[in-house]
Amino acid sequence: MQITLKFGKLLLTITIDIRFILAVIILISQ
């Protein structure tokens, strides 16, 4: 259970990072 929770947080952090990077790329390319 603890491992799943840590993995879930890690996955959420990665997802947020990817969205942030994509937003920056879109802003730069415009």
C-alpha atoms as a PDB file:
ATOM      1  CA  MET A   1       0.000   0.000   0.000  1.00  0.00           C
ATOM      2  CA  GLN A   2       2.805   2.393   0.910  1.00  0.00           C
ATOM      3  CA  ILE A   3       4.687   1.544  -2.292  1.00  0.00           C
ATOM      4  CA  THR A   4       1.565   2.161  -4.392  1.00  0.00           C
ATOM      5  CA  LEU A   5       1.042   5.550  -2.728  1.00  0.00           C
ATOM      6  CA  LYS A   6       4.648   6.591  -3.407  1.00  0.00           C
ATOM      7  CA  PHE A   7       4.378   5.421  -7.021  1.00  0.00           C
ATOM      8  CA  GLY A   8       1.113   7.330  -7.425  1.00  0.00           C
ATOM      9  CA  LYS A   9       2.696  10.539  -6.136  1.00  0.00           C
ATOM     10  CA  LEU A  10       5.692  10.040  -8.431  1.00  0.00           C
ATOM     11  CA  LEU A  11       3.427   9.457 -11.424  1.00  0.00           C
ATOM     12  CA  LEU A  12       1.377  12.561 -10.566  1.00  0.00           C
ATOM     13  CA  THR A  13       4.540  14.664 -10.279  1.00  0.00           C
ATOM     14  CA  ILE A  14       5.809  13.394 -13.651  1.00  0.00           C
ATOM     15  CA  THR A  15       2.439  14.145 -15.271  1.00  0.00           C
ATOM     16  CA  ILE A  16       2.461  17.710 -13.900  1.00  0.00           C
ATOM     17  CA  ASP A  17       6.063  18.190 -15.092  1.00  0.00           C
ATOM     18  CA  ILE A  18       5.175  16.998 -18.613  1.00  0.00           C
ATOM     19  CA  ARG A  19       2.164  19.347 -18.775  1.00  0.00           C
ATOM     20  CA  PHE A  20       4.302  22.257 -17.579  1.00  0.00           C
ATOM     21  CA  ILE A  21       7.022  21.511 -20.160  1.00  0.00           C
ATOM     22  CA  LEU A  22       4.415  21.218 -22.938  1.00  0.00           C
ATOM     23  CA  ALA A  23       2.878  24.558 -21.904  1.00  0.00           C
ATOM     24  CA  VAL A  24       6.310  26.227 -22.019  1.00  0.00           C
ATOM     25  CA  ILE A  25       7.047  24.731 -25.466  1.00  0.00           C
ATOM     26  CA  ILE A  26       3.681  25.962 -26.792  1.00  0.00           C
ATOM     27  CA  LEU A  27       4.318  29.470 -25.443  1.00  0.00           C
ATOM     28  CA  ILE A  28       7.825  29.586 -26.964  1.00  0.00           C
ATOM     29  CA  SER A  29       6.691  28.295 -30.367  1.00  0.00           C
ATOM     30  CA  GLN A  30       3.967  30.928 -30.799  1.00  0.00           C
END
